[in-house]
PDB file of all heavy atoms in Angstrom:
ATOM      1  N   GLY A   1      70.636   3.602 -17.287  1.00  0.00           N
ATOM      2  CA  GLY A   1      72.142   3.540 -17.486  1.00  0.00           C
ATOM      3  C   GLY A   1      72.809   4.619 -16.695  1.00  0.00           C
ATOM      4  O   GLY A   1      72.235   5.297 -15.755  1.00  0.00           O
ATOM      5  N   ASP A   2      74.098   4.806 -16.989  1.00  0.00           N
ATOM      6  CA  ASP A   2      74.836   5.849 -16.259  1.00  0.00           C
ATOM      7  C   ASP A   2      74.370   7.202 -16.775  1.00  0.00           C
ATOM      8  O   ASP A   2      73.616   7.280 -17.778  1.00  0.00           O
ATOM      9  CB  ASP A   2      76.366   5.675 -16.505  1.00  0.00           C
ATOM     10  CG  ASP A   2      76.707   5.664 -18.021  1.00  0.00           C
ATOM     11  OD1 ASP A   2      76.622   4.661 -18.612  1.00  0.00           O
ATOM     12  OD2 ASP A   2      77.023   6.743 -18.523  1.00  0.00           O
ATOM     13  N   TYR A   3      74.850   8.285 -16.153  1.00  0.00           N
ATOM     14  CA  TYR A   3      74.321   9.659 -16.457  1.00  0.00           C
ATOM     15  C   TYR A   3      74.669  10.029 -17.810  1.00  0.00           C
ATOM     16  O   TYR A   3      73.809  10.579 -18.584  1.00  0.00           O
ATOM     17  CB  TYR A   3      75.014  10.613 -15.409  1.00  0.00           C
ATOM     18  CG  TYR A   3      74.457  12.019 -15.595  1.00  0.00           C
ATOM     19  CD1 TYR A   3      73.249  12.440 -15.056  1.00  0.00           C
ATOM     20  CD2 TYR A   3      75.258  12.937 -16.349  1.00  0.00           C
ATOM     21  CE1 TYR A   3      72.850  13.757 -15.203  1.00  0.00           C
ATOM     22  CE2 TYR A   3      74.758  14.305 -16.417  1.00  0.00           C
ATOM     23  CZ  TYR A   3      73.541  14.667 -15.883  1.00  0.00           C
ATOM     24  OH  TYR A   3      73.106  15.918 -16.036  1.00  0.00           O
ATOM     25  N   ALA A   4      75.884   9.793 -18.340  1.00  0.00           N
ATOM     26  CA  ALA A   4      76.236  10.216 -19.680  1.00  0.00           C
ATOM     27  C   ALA A   4      75.373   9.459 -20.754  1.00  0.00           C
ATOM     28  O   ALA A   4      74.901  10.063 -21.733  1.00  0.00           O
ATOM     29  CB  ALA A   4      77.723   9.894 -19.936  1.00  0.00           C
ATOM     30  N   SER A   5      75.125   8.245 -20.568  1.00  0.00           N
ATOM     31  CA  SER A   5      74.336   7.391 -21.514  1.00  0.00           C
ATOM     32  C   SER A   5      72.840   7.961 -21.537  1.00  0.00           C
ATOM     33  O   SER A   5      72.258   8.044 -22.553  1.00  0.00           O
ATOM     34  CB  SER A   5      74.281   5.901 -21.172  1.00  0.00           C
ATOM     35  OG  SER A   5      75.660   5.386 -21.179  1.00  0.00           O
ATOM     36  N   ARG A   6      72.343   8.334 -20.294  1.00  0.00           N
ATOM     37  CA  ARG A   6      70.990   8.821 -20.298  1.00  0.00           C
ATOM     38  C   ARG A   6      70.834  10.135 -21.013  1.00  0.00           C
ATOM     39  O   ARG A   6      69.884  10.397 -21.793  1.00  0.00           O
ATOM     40  CB  ARG A   6      70.494   8.946 -18.867  1.00  0.00           C
ATOM     41  CG  ARG A   6      70.402   7.639 -18.145  1.00  0.00           C
ATOM     42  CD  ARG A   6      69.410   7.766 -16.934  1.00  0.00           C
ATOM     43  NE  ARG A   6      69.650   8.900 -16.074  1.00  0.00           N
ATOM     44  CZ  ARG A   6      70.552   8.978 -15.106  1.00  0.00           C
ATOM     45  NH1 ARG A   6      71.383   7.924 -14.824  1.00  0.00           N
ATOM     46  NH2 ARG A   6      70.661  10.078 -14.350  1.00  0.00           N
ATOM     47  N   MET A   7      71.779  10.980 -20.678  1.00  0.00           N
ATOM     48  CA  MET A   7      71.717  12.324 -21.407  1.00  0.00           C
ATOM     49  C   MET A   7      71.873  12.260 -22.907  1.00  0.00           C
ATOM     50  O   MET A   7      71.217  12.993 -23.607  1.00  0.00           O
ATOM     51  CB  MET A   7      72.845  13.226 -20.832  1.00  0.00           C
ATOM     52  CG  MET A   7      72.654  13.633 -19.328  1.00  0.00           C
ATOM     53  SD  MET A   7      71.069  14.372 -18.949  1.00  0.00           S
ATOM     54  CE  MET A   7      70.317  13.051 -18.094  1.00  0.00           C
ATOM     55  N   GLN A   8      72.682  11.328 -23.287  1.00  0.00           N
ATOM     56  CA  GLN A   8      72.890  11.183 -24.773  1.00  0.00           C
ATOM     57  C   GLN A   8      71.589  10.635 -25.447  1.00  0.00           C
ATOM     58  O   GLN A   8      71.100  11.064 -26.454  1.00  0.00           O
ATOM     59  CB  GLN A   8      73.953  10.189 -25.069  1.00  0.00           C
ATOM     60  CG  GLN A   8      74.231   9.979 -26.537  1.00  0.00           C
ATOM     61  CD  GLN A   8      75.460   8.966 -26.786  1.00  0.00           C
ATOM     62  OE1 GLN A   8      76.059   8.489 -25.809  1.00  0.00           O
ATOM     63  NE2 GLN A   8      75.715   8.736 -27.984  1.00  0.00           N
ATOM     64  N   GLY A   9      70.846   9.702 -24.729  1.00  0.00           N
ATOM     65  CA  GLY A   9      69.614   9.254 -25.215  1.00  0.00           C
ATOM     66  C   GLY A   9      68.540  10.280 -25.218  1.00  0.00           C
ATOM     67  O   GLY A   9      67.730  10.377 -26.110  1.00  0.00           O
ATOM     68  N   TYR A  10      68.525  11.109 -24.116  1.00  0.00           N
ATOM     69  CA  TYR A  10      67.544  12.173 -24.037  1.00  0.00           C
ATOM     70  C   TYR A  10      67.733  13.170 -25.167  1.00  0.00           C
ATOM     71  O   TYR A  10      66.772  13.673 -25.741  1.00  0.00           O
ATOM     72  CB  TYR A  10      67.637  12.858 -22.693  1.00  0.00           C
ATOM     73  CG  TYR A  10      67.165  12.040 -21.549  1.00  0.00           C
ATOM     74  CD1 TYR A  10      67.639  12.240 -20.229  1.00  0.00           C
ATOM     75  CD2 TYR A  10      66.207  11.070 -21.694  1.00  0.00           C
ATOM     76  CE1 TYR A  10      67.266  11.483 -19.139  1.00  0.00           C
ATOM     77  CE2 TYR A  10      65.831  10.252 -20.627  1.00  0.00           C
ATOM     78  CZ  TYR A  10      66.258  10.453 -19.372  1.00  0.00           C
ATOM     79  OH  TYR A  10      65.927   9.704 -18.295  1.00  0.00           O
ATOM     80  N   ALA A  11      69.020  13.495 -25.486  1.00  0.00           N
ATOM     81  CA  ALA A  11      69.279  14.488 -26.468  1.00  0.00           C
ATOM     82  C   ALA A  11      68.815  13.937 -27.880  1.00  0.00           C
ATOM     83  O   ALA A  11      68.235  14.721 -28.676  1.00  0.00           O
ATOM     84  CB  ALA A  11      70.779  14.746 -26.539  1.00  0.00           C
ATOM     85  N   THR A  12      69.069  12.667 -28.079  1.00  0.00           N
ATOM     86  CA  THR A  12      68.557  12.153 -29.423  1.00  0.00           C
ATOM     87  C   THR A  12      67.027  12.171 -29.486  1.00  0.00           C
ATOM     88  O   THR A  12      66.446  12.590 -30.494  1.00  0.00           O
ATOM     89  CB  THR A  12      68.990  10.644 -29.479  1.00  0.00           C
ATOM     90  OG1 THR A  12      70.452  10.682 -29.466  1.00  0.00           O
ATOM     91  CG2 THR A  12      68.593  10.048 -30.843  1.00  0.00           C
ATOM     92  N   ALA A  13      66.350  11.781 -28.388  1.00  0.00           N
ATOM     93  CA  ALA A  13      64.845  11.831 -28.406  1.00  0.00           C
ATOM     94  C   ALA A  13      64.339  13.196 -28.505  1.00  0.00           C
ATOM     95  O   ALA A  13      63.335  13.464 -29.188  1.00  0.00           O
ATOM     96  CB  ALA A  13      64.336  11.182 -27.067  1.00  0.00           C
ATOM     97  N   ARG A  14      65.003  14.232 -27.850  1.00  0.00           N
ATOM     98  CA  ARG A  14      64.562  15.586 -27.908  1.00  0.00           C
ATOM     99  C   ARG A  14      64.755  16.164 -29.288  1.00  0.00           C
ATOM    100  O   ARG A  14      63.838  16.882 -29.828  1.00  0.00           O
ATOM    101  CB  ARG A  14      65.431  16.445 -26.827  1.00  0.00           C
ATOM    102  CG  ARG A  14      65.057  17.888 -26.769  1.00  0.00           C
ATOM    103  CD  ARG A  14      63.675  18.047 -26.060  1.00  0.00           C
ATOM    104  NE  ARG A  14      63.495  19.485 -25.634  1.00  0.00           N
ATOM    105  CZ  ARG A  14      62.397  20.051 -25.818  1.00  0.00           C
ATOM    106  NH1 ARG A  14      61.300  19.521 -26.265  1.00  0.00           N
ATOM    107  NH2 ARG A  14      62.220  21.337 -25.363  1.00  0.00           N
ATOM    108  N   GLN A  15      65.909  15.887 -29.893  1.00  0.00           N
ATOM    109  CA  GLN A  15      66.072  16.471 -31.242  1.00  0.00           C
ATOM    110  C   GLN A  15      65.377  15.834 -32.349  1.00  0.00           C
ATOM    111  O   GLN A  15      65.174  16.545 -33.353  1.00  0.00           O
ATOM    112  CB  GLN A  15      67.588  16.344 -31.536  1.00  0.00           C
ATOM    113  CG  GLN A  15      68.506  17.144 -30.679  1.00  0.00           C
ATOM    114  CD  GLN A  15      69.987  16.882 -30.886  1.00  0.00           C
ATOM    115  OE1 GLN A  15      70.364  16.209 -31.792  1.00  0.00           O
ATOM    116  NE2 GLN A  15      70.848  17.349 -29.924  1.00  0.00           N
ATOM    117  N   ASN A  16      64.803  14.677 -32.121  1.00  0.00           N
ATOM    118  CA  ASN A  16      64.020  14.053 -33.049  1.00  0.00           C
ATOM    119  C   ASN A  16      62.536  14.094 -32.907  1.00  0.00           C
ATOM    120  O   ASN A  16      61.744  13.450 -33.631  1.00  0.00           O
ATOM    121  CB  ASN A  16      64.432  12.538 -33.278  1.00  0.00           C
ATOM    122  CG  ASN A  16      65.800  12.481 -33.945  1.00  0.00           C
ATOM    123  OD1 ASN A  16      65.924  12.477 -35.166  1.00  0.00           O
ATOM    124  ND2 ASN A  16      66.822  12.324 -33.129  1.00  0.00           N
ATOM    125  N   GLY A  17      62.107  14.852 -31.915  1.00  0.00           N
ATOM    126  CA  GLY A  17      60.695  15.118 -31.699  1.00  0.00           C
ATOM    127  C   GLY A  17      59.885  14.131 -31.067  1.00  0.00           C
ATOM    128  O   GLY A  17      58.615  14.290 -31.164  1.00  0.00           O
ATOM    129  N   TRP A  18      60.403  13.133 -30.412  1.00  0.00           N
ATOM    130  CA  TRP A  18      59.494  12.141 -29.804  1.00  0.00           C
ATOM    131  C   TRP A  18      59.510  12.211 -28.354  1.00  0.00           C
ATOM    132  O   TRP A  18      58.899  11.306 -27.636  1.00  0.00           O
ATOM    133  CB  TRP A  18      59.670  10.706 -30.314  1.00  0.00           C
ATOM    134  CG  TRP A  18      61.117  10.187 -30.255  1.00  0.00           C
ATOM    135  CD1 TRP A  18      62.151  10.372 -31.123  1.00  0.00           C
ATOM    136  CD2 TRP A  18      61.578   9.372 -29.160  1.00  0.00           C
ATOM    137  NE1 TRP A  18      63.283   9.741 -30.614  1.00  0.00           N
ATOM    138  CE2 TRP A  18      62.974   9.099 -29.514  1.00  0.00           C
ATOM    139  CE3 TRP A  18      61.103   8.856 -28.019  1.00  0.00           C
ATOM    140  CZ2 TRP A  18      63.851   8.256 -28.690  1.00  0.00           C
ATOM    141  CZ3 TRP A  18      61.909   8.047 -27.168  1.00  0.00           C
ATOM    142  CH2 TRP A  18      63.222   7.786 -27.501  1.00  0.00           C
ATOM    143  N   MET A  19      60.234  13.134 -27.738  1.00  0.00           N
ATOM    144  CA  MET A  19      60.129  13.447 -26.250  1.00  0.00           C
ATOM    145  C   MET A  19      60.266  14.943 -26.053  1.00  0.00           C
ATOM    146  O   MET A  19      60.938  15.631 -26.701  1.00  0.00           O
ATOM    147  CB  MET A  19      61.355  12.760 -25.500  1.00  0.00           C
ATOM    148  CG  MET A  19      61.276  11.288 -25.403  1.00  0.00           C
ATOM    149  SD  MET A  19      62.555  10.558 -24.297  1.00  0.00           S
ATOM    150  CE  MET A  19      61.763  11.019 -22.749  1.00  0.00           C
ATOM    151  N   SER A  20      59.340  15.435 -25.089  1.00  0.00           N
ATOM    152  CA  SER A  20      59.377  16.758 -24.731  1.00  0.00           C
ATOM    153  C   SER A  20      60.230  17.028 -23.549  1.00  0.00           C
ATOM    154  O   SER A  20      60.707  16.087 -22.908  1.00  0.00           O
ATOM    155  CB  SER A  20      57.870  17.239 -24.459  1.00  0.00           C
ATOM    156  OG  SER A  20      57.397  16.624 -23.331  1.00  0.00           O
ATOM    157  N   ALA A  21      60.329  18.283 -23.041  1.00  0.00           N
ATOM    158  CA  ALA A  21      61.189  18.569 -21.967  1.00  0.00           C
ATOM    159  C   ALA A  21      60.499  17.887 -20.666  1.00  0.00           C
ATOM    160  O   ALA A  21      61.197  17.344 -19.788  1.00  0.00           O
ATOM    161  CB  ALA A  21      61.310  20.082 -21.769  1.00  0.00           C
ATOM    162  N   ASN A  22      59.131  17.935 -20.635  1.00  0.00           N
ATOM    163  CA  ASN A  22      58.544  17.345 -19.451  1.00  0.00           C
ATOM    164  C   ASN A  22      58.565  15.916 -19.448  1.00  0.00           C
ATOM    165  O   ASN A  22      58.605  15.220 -18.366  1.00  0.00           O
ATOM    166  CB  ASN A  22      56.984  17.772 -19.431  1.00  0.00           C
ATOM    167  CG  ASN A  22      56.946  19.181 -18.853  1.00  0.00           C
ATOM    168  OD1 ASN A  22      57.781  19.774 -18.182  1.00  0.00           O
ATOM    169  ND2 ASN A  22      55.751  19.816 -19.196  1.00  0.00           N
ATOM    170  N   ASP A  23      58.627  15.231 -20.628  1.00  0.00           N
ATOM    171  CA  ASP A  23      58.781  13.778 -20.677  1.00  0.00           C
ATOM    172  C   ASP A  23      60.172  13.373 -20.082  1.00  0.00           C
ATOM    173  O   ASP A  23      60.211  12.367 -19.263  1.00  0.00           O
ATOM    174  CB  ASP A  23      58.737  13.245 -22.151  1.00  0.00           C
ATOM    175  CG  ASP A  23      57.327  13.457 -22.710  1.00  0.00           C
ATOM    176  OD1 ASP A  23      56.364  13.497 -21.935  1.00  0.00           O
ATOM    177  OD2 ASP A  23      57.204  13.528 -23.926  1.00  0.00           O
ATOM    178  N   ILE A  24      61.151  14.194 -20.429  1.00  0.00           N
ATOM    179  CA  ILE A  24      62.488  13.855 -19.867  1.00  0.00           C
ATOM    180  C   ILE A  24      62.616  14.202 -18.382  1.00  0.00           C
ATOM    181  O   ILE A  24      63.186  13.396 -17.584  1.00  0.00           O
ATOM    182  CB  ILE A  24      63.541  14.691 -20.611  1.00  0.00           C
ATOM    183  CG1 ILE A  24      63.579  14.253 -22.080  1.00  0.00           C
ATOM    184  CG2 ILE A  24      64.954  14.515 -20.029  1.00  0.00           C
ATOM    185  CD1 ILE A  24      64.389  15.153 -22.970  1.00  0.00           C
ATOM    186  N   ARG A  25      61.989  15.297 -17.936  1.00  0.00           N
ATOM    187  CA  ARG A  25      61.963  15.704 -16.574  1.00  0.00           C
ATOM    188  C   ARG A  25      61.214  14.685 -15.668  1.00  0.00           C
ATOM    189  O   ARG A  25      61.604  14.483 -14.535  1.00  0.00           O
ATOM    190  CB  ARG A  25      61.462  17.094 -16.365  1.00  0.00           C
ATOM    191  CG  ARG A  25      62.328  18.126 -17.085  1.00  0.00           C
ATOM    192  CD  ARG A  25      61.663  19.506 -16.917  1.00  0.00           C
ATOM    193  NE  ARG A  25      61.722  20.034 -15.606  1.00  0.00           N
ATOM    194  CZ  ARG A  25      62.701  20.782 -15.113  1.00  0.00           C
ATOM    195  NH1 ARG A  25      63.752  21.050 -15.875  1.00  0.00           N
ATOM    196  NH2 ARG A  25      62.663  21.235 -13.879  1.00  0.00           N
ATOM    197  N   GLU A  26      60.156  14.080 -16.209  1.00  0.00           N
ATOM    198  CA  GLU A  26      59.500  13.109 -15.481  1.00  0.00           C
ATOM    199  C   GLU A  26      60.212  11.851 -15.219  1.00  0.00           C
ATOM    200  O   GLU A  26      60.280  11.270 -14.193  1.00  0.00           O
ATOM    201  CB  GLU A  26      58.101  12.794 -16.235  1.00  0.00           C
ATOM    202  CG  GLU A  26      57.232  11.726 -15.545  1.00  0.00           C
ATOM    203  CD  GLU A  26      55.956  11.443 -16.147  1.00  0.00           C
ATOM    204  OE1 GLU A  26      55.803  11.936 -17.321  1.00  0.00           O
ATOM    205  OE2 GLU A  26      55.070  10.724 -15.714  1.00  0.00           O
ATOM    206  N   LEU A  27      61.098  11.407 -16.297  1.00  0.00           N
ATOM    207  CA  LEU A  27      61.851  10.289 -16.097  1.00  0.00           C
ATOM    208  C   LEU A  27      63.018  10.516 -15.102  1.00  0.00           C
ATOM    209  O   LEU A  27      63.542   9.599 -14.462  1.00  0.00           O
ATOM    210  CB  LEU A  27      62.473   9.783 -17.514  1.00  0.00           C
ATOM    211  CG  LEU A  27      61.514   9.312 -18.409  1.00  0.00           C
ATOM    212  CD1 LEU A  27      62.204   9.042 -19.780  1.00  0.00           C
ATOM    213  CD2 LEU A  27      60.843   8.069 -17.989  1.00  0.00           C
ATOM    214  N   GLU A  28      63.443  11.753 -15.020  1.00  0.00           N
ATOM    215  CA  GLU A  28      64.576  12.118 -14.041  1.00  0.00           C
ATOM    216  C   GLU A  28      64.008  12.583 -12.701  1.00  0.00           C
ATOM    217  O   GLU A  28      64.739  13.094 -11.927  1.00  0.00           O
ATOM    218  CB  GLU A  28      65.399  13.246 -14.673  1.00  0.00           C
ATOM    219  CG  GLU A  28      66.282  12.759 -15.837  1.00  0.00           C
ATOM    220  CD  GLU A  28      67.338  11.729 -15.400  1.00  0.00           C
ATOM    221  OE1 GLU A  28      67.957  11.940 -14.385  1.00  0.00           O
ATOM    222  OE2 GLU A  28      67.472  10.809 -16.115  1.00  0.00           O
ATOM    223  N   ASP A  29      62.658  12.471 -12.445  1.00  0.00           N
ATOM    224  CA  ASP A  29      62.027  12.804 -11.167  1.00  0.00           C
ATOM    225  C   ASP A  29      62.233  14.222 -10.895  1.00  0.00           C
ATOM    226  O   ASP A  29      62.549  14.650  -9.740  1.00  0.00           O
ATOM    227  CB  ASP A  29      62.592  11.893 -10.080  1.00  0.00           C
ATOM    228  CG  ASP A  29      61.686  11.898  -8.840  1.00  0.00           C
ATOM    229  OD1 ASP A  29      60.494  12.248  -9.043  1.00  0.00           O
ATOM    230  OD2 ASP A  29      62.117  11.563  -7.779  1.00  0.00           O
ATOM    231  N   MET A  30      62.000  15.143 -11.893  1.00  0.00           N
ATOM    232  CA  MET A  30      62.054  16.540 -11.728  1.00  0.00           C
ATOM    233  C   MET A  30      60.673  17.160 -11.902  1.00  0.00           C
ATOM    234  O   MET A  30      59.815  16.503 -12.440  1.00  0.00           O
ATOM    235  CB  MET A  30      63.008  17.119 -12.729  1.00  0.00           C
ATOM    236  CG  MET A  30      64.440  16.606 -12.651  1.00  0.00           C
ATOM    237  SD  MET A  30      65.477  17.095 -14.009  1.00  0.00           S
ATOM    238  CE  MET A  30      65.644  18.854 -13.685  1.00  0.00           C
ATOM    239  N   ASN A  31      60.509  18.421 -11.427  1.00  0.00           N
ATOM    240  CA  ASN A  31      59.240  19.109 -11.469  1.00  0.00           C
ATOM    241  C   ASN A  31      58.893  19.480 -13.044  1.00  0.00           C
ATOM    242  O   ASN A  31      59.913  19.758 -13.771  1.00  0.00           O
ATOM    243  CB  ASN A  31      59.192  20.385 -10.682  1.00  0.00           C
ATOM    244  CG  ASN A  31      59.272  20.045  -9.176  1.00  0.00           C
ATOM    245  OD1 ASN A  31      58.808  18.961  -8.728  1.00  0.00           O
ATOM    246  ND2 ASN A  31      59.876  20.860  -8.414  1.00  0.00           N
ATOM    247  N   MET A  32      57.682  19.487 -13.297  1.00  0.00           N
ATOM    248  CA  MET A  32      57.202  19.764 -14.765  1.00  0.00           C
ATOM    249  C   MET A  32      57.362  21.271 -14.987  1.00  0.00           C
ATOM    250  O   MET A  32      57.248  22.171 -14.206  1.00  0.00           O
ATOM    251  CB  MET A  32      55.815  19.330 -14.929  1.00  0.00           C
ATOM    252  CG  MET A  32      55.579  17.822 -14.765  1.00  0.00           C
ATOM    253  SD  MET A  32      56.431  16.784 -15.953  1.00  0.00           S
ATOM    254  CE  MET A  32      57.764  16.174 -14.989  1.00  0.00           C
ATOM    255  N   LEU A  33      57.615  21.631 -16.306  1.00  0.00           N
ATOM    256  CA  LEU A  33      57.649  23.014 -16.726  1.00  0.00           C
ATOM    257  C   LEU A  33      56.221  23.305 -17.293  1.00  0.00           C
ATOM    258  O   LEU A  33      55.486  22.470 -17.758  1.00  0.00           O
ATOM    259  CB  LEU A  33      58.580  23.167 -17.813  1.00  0.00           C
ATOM    260  CG  LEU A  33      60.070  22.929 -17.526  1.00  0.00           C
ATOM    261  CD1 LEU A  33      60.920  23.084 -18.669  1.00  0.00           C
ATOM    262  CD2 LEU A  33      60.523  23.855 -16.441  1.00  0.00           C
ATOM    263  N   SER A  34      55.868  24.603 -17.222  1.00  0.00           N
ATOM    264  CA  SER A  34      54.609  25.005 -17.727  1.00  0.00           C
ATOM    265  C   SER A  34      54.568  25.067 -19.278  1.00  0.00           C
ATOM    266  O   SER A  34      55.570  25.030 -19.863  1.00  0.00           O
ATOM    267  CB  SER A  34      54.186  26.345 -17.164  1.00  0.00           C
ATOM    268  OG  SER A  34      55.122  27.335 -17.563  1.00  0.00           O
ATOM    269  N   ASP A  35      53.343  25.227 -19.843  1.00  0.00           N
ATOM    270  CA  ASP A  35      53.291  25.370 -21.323  1.00  0.00           C
ATOM    271  C   ASP A  35      53.975  26.637 -21.779  1.00  0.00           C
ATOM    272  O   ASP A  35      54.469  26.710 -22.889  1.00  0.00           O
ATOM    273  CB  ASP A  35      51.804  25.361 -21.738  1.00  0.00           C
ATOM    274  CG  ASP A  35      51.126  23.980 -21.480  1.00  0.00           C
ATOM    275  OD1 ASP A  35      51.971  22.958 -21.453  1.00  0.00           O
ATOM    276  OD2 ASP A  35      49.911  23.893 -21.444  1.00  0.00           O
ATOM    277  N   GLU A  36      53.892  27.710 -20.935  1.00  0.00           N
ATOM    278  CA  GLU A  36      54.522  28.954 -21.361  1.00  0.00           C
ATOM    279  C   GLU A  36      55.973  28.791 -21.453  1.00  0.00           C
ATOM    280  O   GLU A  36      56.738  29.487 -22.157  1.00  0.00           O
ATOM    281  CB  GLU A  36      54.137  30.091 -20.370  1.00  0.00           C
ATOM    282  CG  GLU A  36      52.730  30.531 -20.399  1.00  0.00           C
ATOM    283  CD  GLU A  36      51.835  29.580 -19.770  1.00  0.00           C
ATOM    284  OE1 GLU A  36      52.328  28.685 -19.006  1.00  0.00           O
ATOM    285  OE2 GLU A  36      50.562  29.688 -19.857  1.00  0.00           O
ATOM    286  N   GLU A  37      56.567  27.925 -20.602  1.00  0.00           N
ATOM    287  CA  GLU A  37      57.998  27.670 -20.651  1.00  0.00           C
ATOM    288  C   GLU A  37      58.425  26.648 -21.703  1.00  0.00           C
ATOM    289  O   GLU A  37      59.613  26.277 -21.827  1.00  0.00           O
ATOM    290  CB  GLU A  37      58.445  27.235 -19.285  1.00  0.00           C
ATOM    291  CG  GLU A  37      58.298  28.229 -18.198  1.00  0.00           C
ATOM    292  CD  GLU A  37      58.658  27.736 -16.794  1.00  0.00           C
ATOM    293  OE1 GLU A  37      58.103  26.720 -16.429  1.00  0.00           O
ATOM    294  OE2 GLU A  37      59.398  28.384 -16.131  1.00  0.00           O
ATOM    295  N   GLY A  38      57.467  26.139 -22.416  1.00  0.00           N
ATOM    296  CA  GLY A  38      57.774  25.097 -23.487  1.00  0.00           C
ATOM    297  C   GLY A  38      57.985  23.732 -22.990  1.00  0.00           C
ATOM    298  O   GLY A  38      58.630  22.962 -23.640  1.00  0.00           O
TER     299      GLY A  38
END
């Protein structure tokens, strides 16, 4: 969807524990974070 809709969906998934930061970054084609960075 558009950027605002995607961010809203990611926020809901992040706050409810079924997506990590790397899960979201992978969908947005971004580099992964290390385990030390959470």
